[in-house]
Amino acid sequence: MLKIPDFTKKEIDYIIEMANFTRQEKELFLLRNDEYSLEYCAEKMNVSVSTVKRINKKMKNKIIRIL
């Protein structure tokens, strides 16, 4: 299972540079890196939990492709 907080600073920078994240994906990636829950991220991003789960899935797929 992919756990975002397990990445090093260098890996985070590489992922952000190479993954071609949308604005929402990048925001979620950075929030998840700070170990916030999906529910908190949804509230912070002003979207529903189901939307955050969809963004999270797309974001993780991009990360897996570049690693």
PDB file of N, CA and C in Angstrom:
ATOM      1  N   MET A   1       0.839  -1.184   0.000  1.00  0.00           N
ATOM      2  CA  MET A   1       0.000   0.000   0.000  1.00  0.00           C
ATOM      3  C   MET A   1       0.885   1.250   0.000  1.00  0.00           C
ATOM      4  N   LEU A   2       0.527   2.209  -0.801  1.00  0.00           N
ATOM      5  CA  LEU A   2       1.280   3.446  -0.943  1.00  0.00           C
ATOM      6  C   LEU A   2       0.933   4.394   0.195  1.00  0.00           C
ATOM      7  N   LYS A   3       1.934   4.738   1.015  1.00  0.00           N
ATOM      8  CA  LYS A   3       1.718   5.671   2.110  1.00  0.00           C
ATOM      9  C   LYS A   3       2.533   6.925   1.841  1.00  0.00           C
ATOM     10  N   ILE A   4       1.856   7.992   1.576  1.00  0.00           N
ATOM     11  CA  ILE A   4       2.516   9.229   1.175  1.00  0.00           C
ATOM     12  C   ILE A   4       3.474   9.772   2.229  1.00  0.00           C
ATOM     13  N   PRO A   5       3.143   9.767   3.523  1.00  0.00           N
ATOM     14  CA  PRO A   5       4.092  10.324   4.500  1.00  0.00           C
ATOM     15  C   PRO A   5       5.424   9.575   4.587  1.00  0.00           C
ATOM     16  N   ASP A   6       5.524   8.422   3.961  1.00  0.00           N
ATOM     17  CA  ASP A   6       6.765   7.651   3.990  1.00  0.00           C
ATOM     18  C   ASP A   6       7.808   8.167   2.993  1.00  0.00           C
ATOM     19  N   PHE A   7       7.430   9.106   2.126  1.00  0.00           N
ATOM     20  CA  PHE A   7       8.370   9.634   1.142  1.00  0.00           C
ATOM     21  C   PHE A   7       9.347  10.607   1.795  1.00  0.00           C
ATOM     22  N   THR A   8      10.569  10.631   1.270  1.00  0.00           N
ATOM     23  CA  THR A   8      11.563  11.610   1.724  1.00  0.00           C
ATOM     24  C   THR A   8      11.290  12.939   1.020  1.00  0.00           C
ATOM     25  N   LYS A   9      11.919  13.998   1.499  1.00  0.00           N
ATOM     26  CA  LYS A   9      11.758  15.320   0.887  1.00  0.00           C
ATOM     27  C   LYS A   9      12.182  15.283  -0.584  1.00  0.00           C
ATOM     28  N   LYS A  10      13.277  14.606  -0.853  1.00  0.00           N
ATOM     29  CA  LYS A  10      13.778  14.490  -2.227  1.00  0.00           C
ATOM     30  C   LYS A  10      12.761  13.756  -3.114  1.00  0.00           C
ATOM     31  N   GLU A  11      12.172  12.697  -2.591  1.00  0.00           N
ATOM     32  CA  GLU A  11      11.169  11.945  -3.346  1.00  0.00           C
ATOM     33  C   GLU A  11       9.913  12.778  -3.578  1.00  0.00           C
ATOM     34  N   ILE A  12       9.514  13.544  -2.579  1.00  0.00           N
ATOM     35  CA  ILE A  12       8.337  14.410  -2.711  1.00  0.00           C
ATOM     36  C   ILE A  12       8.557  15.436  -3.815  1.00  0.00           C
ATOM     37  N   ASP A  13       9.720  16.071  -3.808  1.00  0.00           N
ATOM     38  CA  ASP A  13      10.047  17.049  -4.848  1.00  0.00           C
ATOM     39  C   ASP A  13      10.027  16.405  -6.229  1.00  0.00           C
ATOM     40  N   TYR A  14      10.601  15.206  -6.335  1.00  0.00           N
ATOM     41  CA  TYR A  14      10.632  14.480  -7.608  1.00  0.00           C
ATOM     42  C   TYR A  14       9.210  14.165  -8.084  1.00  0.00           C
ATOM     43  N   ILE A  15       8.379  13.676  -7.176  1.00  0.00           N
ATOM     44  CA  ILE A  15       7.001  13.314  -7.528  1.00  0.00           C
ATOM     45  C   ILE A  15       6.238  14.541  -8.010  1.00  0.00           C
ATOM     46  N   ILE A  16       6.346  15.641  -7.287  1.00  0.00           N
ATOM     47  CA  ILE A  16       5.647  16.868  -7.677  1.00  0.00           C
ATOM     48  C   ILE A  16       6.111  17.333  -9.051  1.00  0.00           C
ATOM     49  N   GLU A  17       7.399  17.244  -9.295  1.00  0.00           N
ATOM     50  CA  GLU A  17       7.950  17.674 -10.580  1.00  0.00           C
ATOM     51  C   GLU A  17       7.518  16.771 -11.731  1.00  0.00           C
ATOM     52  N   MET A  18       7.484  15.469 -11.507  1.00  0.00           N
ATOM     53  CA  MET A  18       7.284  14.519 -12.597  1.00  0.00           C
ATOM     54  C   MET A  18       5.841  14.045 -12.804  1.00  0.00           C
ATOM     55  N   ALA A  19       4.997  14.152 -11.796  1.00  0.00           N
ATOM     56  CA  ALA A  19       3.665  13.537 -11.878  1.00  0.00           C
ATOM     57  C   ALA A  19       2.650  14.335 -12.680  1.00  0.00           C
ATOM     58  N   ASN A  20       2.937  15.594 -12.972  1.00  0.00           N
ATOM     59  CA  ASN A  20       1.993  16.425 -13.709  1.00  0.00           C
ATOM     60  C   ASN A  20       0.627  16.473 -13.003  1.00  0.00           C
ATOM     61  N   PHE A  21       0.672  16.741 -11.696  1.00  0.00           N
ATOM     62  CA  PHE A  21      -0.538  16.820 -10.892  1.00  0.00           C
ATOM     63  C   PHE A  21      -1.401  18.006 -11.310  1.00  0.00           C
ATOM     64  N   THR A  22      -2.705  17.825 -11.180  1.00  0.00           N
ATOM     65  CA  THR A  22      -3.607  18.971 -11.268  1.00  0.00           C
ATOM     66  C   THR A  22      -3.436  19.773  -9.979  1.00  0.00           C
ATOM     67  N   ARG A  23      -4.028  20.946  -9.933  1.00  0.00           N
ATOM     68  CA  ARG A  23      -3.939  21.779  -8.729  1.00  0.00           C
ATOM     69  C   ARG A  23      -4.496  21.036  -7.512  1.00  0.00           C
ATOM     70  N   GLN A  24      -5.632  20.365  -7.693  1.00  0.00           N
ATOM     71  CA  GLN A  24      -6.244  19.627  -6.584  1.00  0.00           C
ATOM     72  C   GLN A  24      -5.398  18.423  -6.170  1.00  0.00           C
ATOM     73  N   GLU A  25      -4.844  17.717  -7.124  1.00  0.00           N
ATOM     74  CA  GLU A  25      -4.000  16.567  -6.796  1.00  0.00           C
ATOM     75  C   GLU A  25      -2.774  17.001  -6.003  1.00  0.00           C
ATOM     76  N   LYS A  26      -2.159  18.100  -6.413  1.00  0.00           N
ATOM     77  CA  LYS A  26      -0.985  18.599  -5.699  1.00  0.00           C
ATOM     78  C   LYS A  26      -1.356  19.032  -4.283  1.00  0.00           C
ATOM     79  N   GLU A  27      -2.480  19.732  -4.157  1.00  0.00           N
ATOM     80  CA  GLU A  27      -2.937  20.157  -2.827  1.00  0.00           C
ATOM     81  C   GLU A  27      -3.186  18.953  -1.933  1.00  0.00           C
ATOM     82  N   LEU A  28      -3.853  17.936  -2.467  1.00  0.00           N
ATOM     83  CA  LEU A  28      -4.126  16.731  -1.687  1.00  0.00           C
ATOM     84  C   LEU A  28      -2.834  16.004  -1.336  1.00  0.00           C
ATOM     85  N   PHE A  29      -1.917  15.906  -2.275  1.00  0.00           N
ATOM     86  CA  PHE A  29      -0.629  15.254  -2.034  1.00  0.00           C
ATOM     87  C   PHE A  29       0.097  15.915  -0.859  1.00  0.00           C
ATOM     88  N   LEU A  30       0.123  17.231  -0.848  1.00  0.00           N
ATOM     89  CA  LEU A  30       0.810  17.951   0.226  1.00  0.00           C
ATOM     90  C   LEU A  30       0.079  17.808   1.566  1.00  0.00           C
ATOM     91  N   LEU A  31      -1.229  17.815   1.535  1.00  0.00           N
ATOM     92  CA  LEU A  31      -1.996  17.606   2.776  1.00  0.00           C
ATOM     93  C   LEU A  31      -1.782  16.196   3.314  1.00  0.00           C
ATOM     94  N   ARG A  32      -1.828  15.215   2.422  1.00  0.00           N
ATOM     95  CA  ARG A  32      -1.648  13.823   2.849  1.00  0.00           C
ATOM     96  C   ARG A  32      -0.224  13.601   3.353  1.00  0.00           C
ATOM     97  N   ASN A  33       0.732  14.328   2.805  1.00  0.00           N
ATOM     98  CA  ASN A  33       2.103  14.230   3.274  1.00  0.00           C
ATOM     99  C   ASN A  33       2.212  14.690   4.731  1.00  0.00           C
ATOM    100  N   ASP A  34       1.340  15.609   5.120  1.00  0.00           N
ATOM    101  CA  ASP A  34       1.291  16.064   6.512  1.00  0.00           C
ATOM    102  C   ASP A  34       0.417  15.159   7.375  1.00  0.00           C
ATOM    103  N   GLU A  35       0.019  14.023   6.827  1.00  0.00           N
ATOM    104  CA  GLU A  35      -0.727  12.969   7.511  1.00  0.00           C
ATOM    105  C   GLU A  35      -2.148  13.362   7.915  1.00  0.00           C
ATOM    106  N   TYR A  36      -2.772  14.236   7.135  1.00  0.00           N
ATOM    107  CA  TYR A  36      -4.166  14.583   7.388  1.00  0.00           C
ATOM    108  C   TYR A  36      -5.073  13.502   6.800  1.00  0.00           C
ATOM    109  N   SER A  37      -6.210  13.285   7.438  1.00  0.00           N
ATOM    110  CA  SER A  37      -7.173  12.295   6.965  1.00  0.00           C
ATOM    111  C   SER A  37      -7.852  12.791   5.694  1.00  0.00           C
ATOM    112  N   LEU A  38      -8.443  11.869   4.960  1.00  0.00           N
ATOM    113  CA  LEU A  38      -9.172  12.251   3.750  1.00  0.00           C
ATOM    114  C   LEU A  38     -10.347  13.163   4.096  1.00  0.00           C
ATOM    115  N   GLU A  39     -10.963  12.919   5.233  1.00  0.00           N
ATOM    116  CA  GLU A  39     -12.087  13.742   5.666  1.00  0.00           C
ATOM    117  C   GLU A  39     -11.633  15.180   5.920  1.00  0.00           C
ATOM    118  N   TYR A  40     -10.492  15.329   6.597  1.00  0.00           N
ATOM    119  CA  TYR A  40      -9.957  16.666   6.856  1.00  0.00           C
ATOM    120  C   TYR A  40      -9.575  17.341   5.544  1.00  0.00           C
ATOM    121  N   CYS A  41      -8.962  16.582   4.649  1.00  0.00           N
ATOM    122  CA  CYS A  41      -8.562  17.131   3.357  1.00  0.00           C
ATOM    123  C   CYS A  41      -9.783  17.623   2.576  1.00  0.00           C
ATOM    124  N   ALA A  42     -10.868  16.857   2.617  1.00  0.00           N
ATOM    125  CA  ALA A  42     -12.089  17.262   1.926  1.00  0.00           C
ATOM    126  C   ALA A  42     -12.598  18.586   2.478  1.00  0.00           C
ATOM    127  N   GLU A  43     -12.584  18.709   3.787  1.00  0.00           N
ATOM    128  CA  GLU A  43     -13.035  19.947   4.427  1.00  0.00           C
ATOM    129  C   GLU A  43     -12.123  21.113   4.032  1.00  0.00           C
ATOM    130  N   LYS A  44     -10.824  20.885   4.092  1.00  0.00           N
ATOM    131  CA  LYS A  44      -9.837  21.927   3.778  1.00  0.00           C
ATOM    132  C   LYS A  44      -9.929  22.354   2.311  1.00  0.00           C
ATOM    133  N   MET A  45     -10.190  21.388   1.427  1.00  0.00           N
ATOM    134  CA  MET A  45     -10.259  21.669  -0.011  1.00  0.00           C
ATOM    135  C   MET A  45     -11.656  22.114  -0.451  1.00  0.00           C
ATOM    136  N   ASN A  46     -12.607  22.080   0.486  1.00  0.00           N
ATOM    137  CA  ASN A  46     -13.982  22.495   0.225  1.00  0.00           C
ATOM    138  C   ASN A  46     -14.655  21.635  -0.847  1.00  0.00           C
ATOM    139  N   VAL A  47     -14.450  20.316  -0.740  1.00  0.00           N
ATOM    140  CA  VAL A  47     -15.086  19.348  -1.632  1.00  0.00           C
ATOM    141  C   VAL A  47     -15.607  18.188  -0.781  1.00  0.00           C
ATOM    142  N   SER A  48     -16.370  17.305  -1.392  1.00  0.00           N
ATOM    143  CA  SER A  48     -16.912  16.158  -0.652  1.00  0.00           C
ATOM    144  C   SER A  48     -15.831  15.090  -0.444  1.00  0.00           C
ATOM    145  N   VAL A  49     -16.086  14.208   0.493  1.00  0.00           N
ATOM    146  CA  VAL A  49     -15.155  13.108   0.764  1.00  0.00           C
ATOM    147  C   VAL A  49     -15.049  12.206  -0.462  1.00  0.00           C
ATOM    148  N   SER A  50     -16.153  11.980  -1.148  1.00  0.00           N
ATOM    149  CA  SER A  50     -16.099  11.129  -2.346  1.00  0.00           C
ATOM    150  C   SER A  50     -15.242  11.775  -3.443  1.00  0.00           C
ATOM    151  N   THR A  51     -15.280  13.087  -3.560  1.00  0.00           N
ATOM    152  CA  THR A  51     -14.431  13.789  -4.528  1.00  0.00           C
ATOM    153  C   THR A  51     -12.965  13.636  -4.148  1.00  0.00           C
ATOM    154  N   VAL A  52     -12.656  13.772  -2.865  1.00  0.00           N
ATOM    155  CA  VAL A  52     -11.272  13.601  -2.407  1.00  0.00           C
ATOM    156  C   VAL A  52     -10.800  12.176  -2.666  1.00  0.00           C
ATOM    157  N   LYS A  53     -11.665  11.204  -2.463  1.00  0.00           N
ATOM    158  CA  LYS A  53     -11.284   9.808  -2.730  1.00  0.00           C
ATOM    159  C   LYS A  53     -10.987   9.605  -4.213  1.00  0.00           C
ATOM    160  N   ARG A  54     -11.759  10.247  -5.082  1.00  0.00           N
ATOM    161  CA  ARG A  54     -11.523  10.149  -6.527  1.00  0.00           C
ATOM    162  C   ARG A  54     -10.193  10.817  -6.894  1.00  0.00           C
ATOM    163  N   ILE A  55      -9.948  11.992  -6.352  1.00  0.00           N
ATOM    164  CA  ILE A  55      -8.690  12.700  -6.602  1.00  0.00           C
ATOM    165  C   ILE A  55      -7.515  11.880  -6.075  1.00  0.00           C
ATOM    166  N   ASN A  56      -7.690  11.296  -4.895  1.00  0.00           N
ATOM    167  CA  ASN A  56      -6.647  10.481  -4.266  1.00  0.00           C
ATOM    168  C   ASN A  56      -6.283   9.283  -5.153  1.00  0.00           C
ATOM    169  N   LYS A  57      -7.284   8.647  -5.710  1.00  0.00           N
ATOM    170  CA  LYS A  57      -7.044   7.488  -6.578  1.00  0.00           C
ATOM    171  C   LYS A  57      -6.251   7.893  -7.825  1.00  0.00           C
ATOM    172  N   LYS A  58      -6.646   9.006  -8.462  1.00  0.00           N
ATOM    173  CA  LYS A  58      -5.933   9.482  -9.647  1.00  0.00           C
ATOM    174  C   LYS A  58      -4.499   9.878  -9.293  1.00  0.00           C
ATOM    175  N   MET A  59      -4.350  10.537  -8.149  1.00  0.00           N
ATOM    176  CA  MET A  59      -3.031  10.975  -7.691  1.00  0.00           C
ATOM    177  C   MET A  59      -2.118   9.771  -7.453  1.00  0.00           C
ATOM    178  N   LYS A  60      -2.621   8.766  -6.770  1.00  0.00           N
ATOM    179  CA  LYS A  60      -1.815   7.575  -6.490  1.00  0.00           C
ATOM    180  C   LYS A  60      -1.435   6.841  -7.770  1.00  0.00           C
ATOM    181  N   ASN A  61      -2.347   6.790  -8.727  1.00  0.00           N
ATOM    182  CA  ASN A  61      -2.028   6.142 -10.012  1.00  0.00           C
ATOM    183  C   ASN A  61      -0.883   6.865 -10.721  1.00  0.00           C
ATOM    184  N   LYS A  62      -0.884   8.186 -10.657  1.00  0.00           N
ATOM    185  CA  LYS A  62       0.215   8.953 -11.267  1.00  0.00           C
ATOM    186  C   LYS A  62       1.528   8.683 -10.550  1.00  0.00           C
ATOM    187  N   ILE A  63       1.479   8.621  -9.241  1.00  0.00           N
ATOM    188  CA  ILE A  63       2.697   8.359  -8.454  1.00  0.00           C
ATOM    189  C   ILE A  63       3.252   6.984  -8.796  1.00  0.00           C
ATOM    190  N   ILE A  64       2.401   6.000  -8.859  1.00  0.00           N
ATOM    191  CA  ILE A  64       2.840   4.623  -9.162  1.00  0.00           C
ATOM    192  C   ILE A  64       3.488   4.565 -10.543  1.00  0.00           C
ATOM    193  N   ARG A  65       2.919   5.294 -11.508  1.00  0.00           N
ATOM    194  CA  ARG A  65       3.471   5.281 -12.870  1.00  0.00           C
ATOM    195  C   ARG A  65       4.872   5.867 -12.948  1.00  0.00           C
ATOM    196  N   ILE A  66       5.181   6.870 -12.124  1.00  0.00           N
ATOM    197  CA  ILE A  66       6.512   7.474 -12.226  1.00  0.00           C
ATOM    198  C   ILE A  66       7.546   6.807 -11.335  1.00  0.00           C
ATOM    199  N   LEU A  67       7.108   5.987 -10.410  1.00  0.00           N
ATOM    200  CA  LEU A  67       8.092   5.334  -9.511  1.00  0.00           C
ATOM    201  C   LEU A  67       8.591   4.067 -10.089  1.00  0.00           C
TER     202      LEU A  67
END
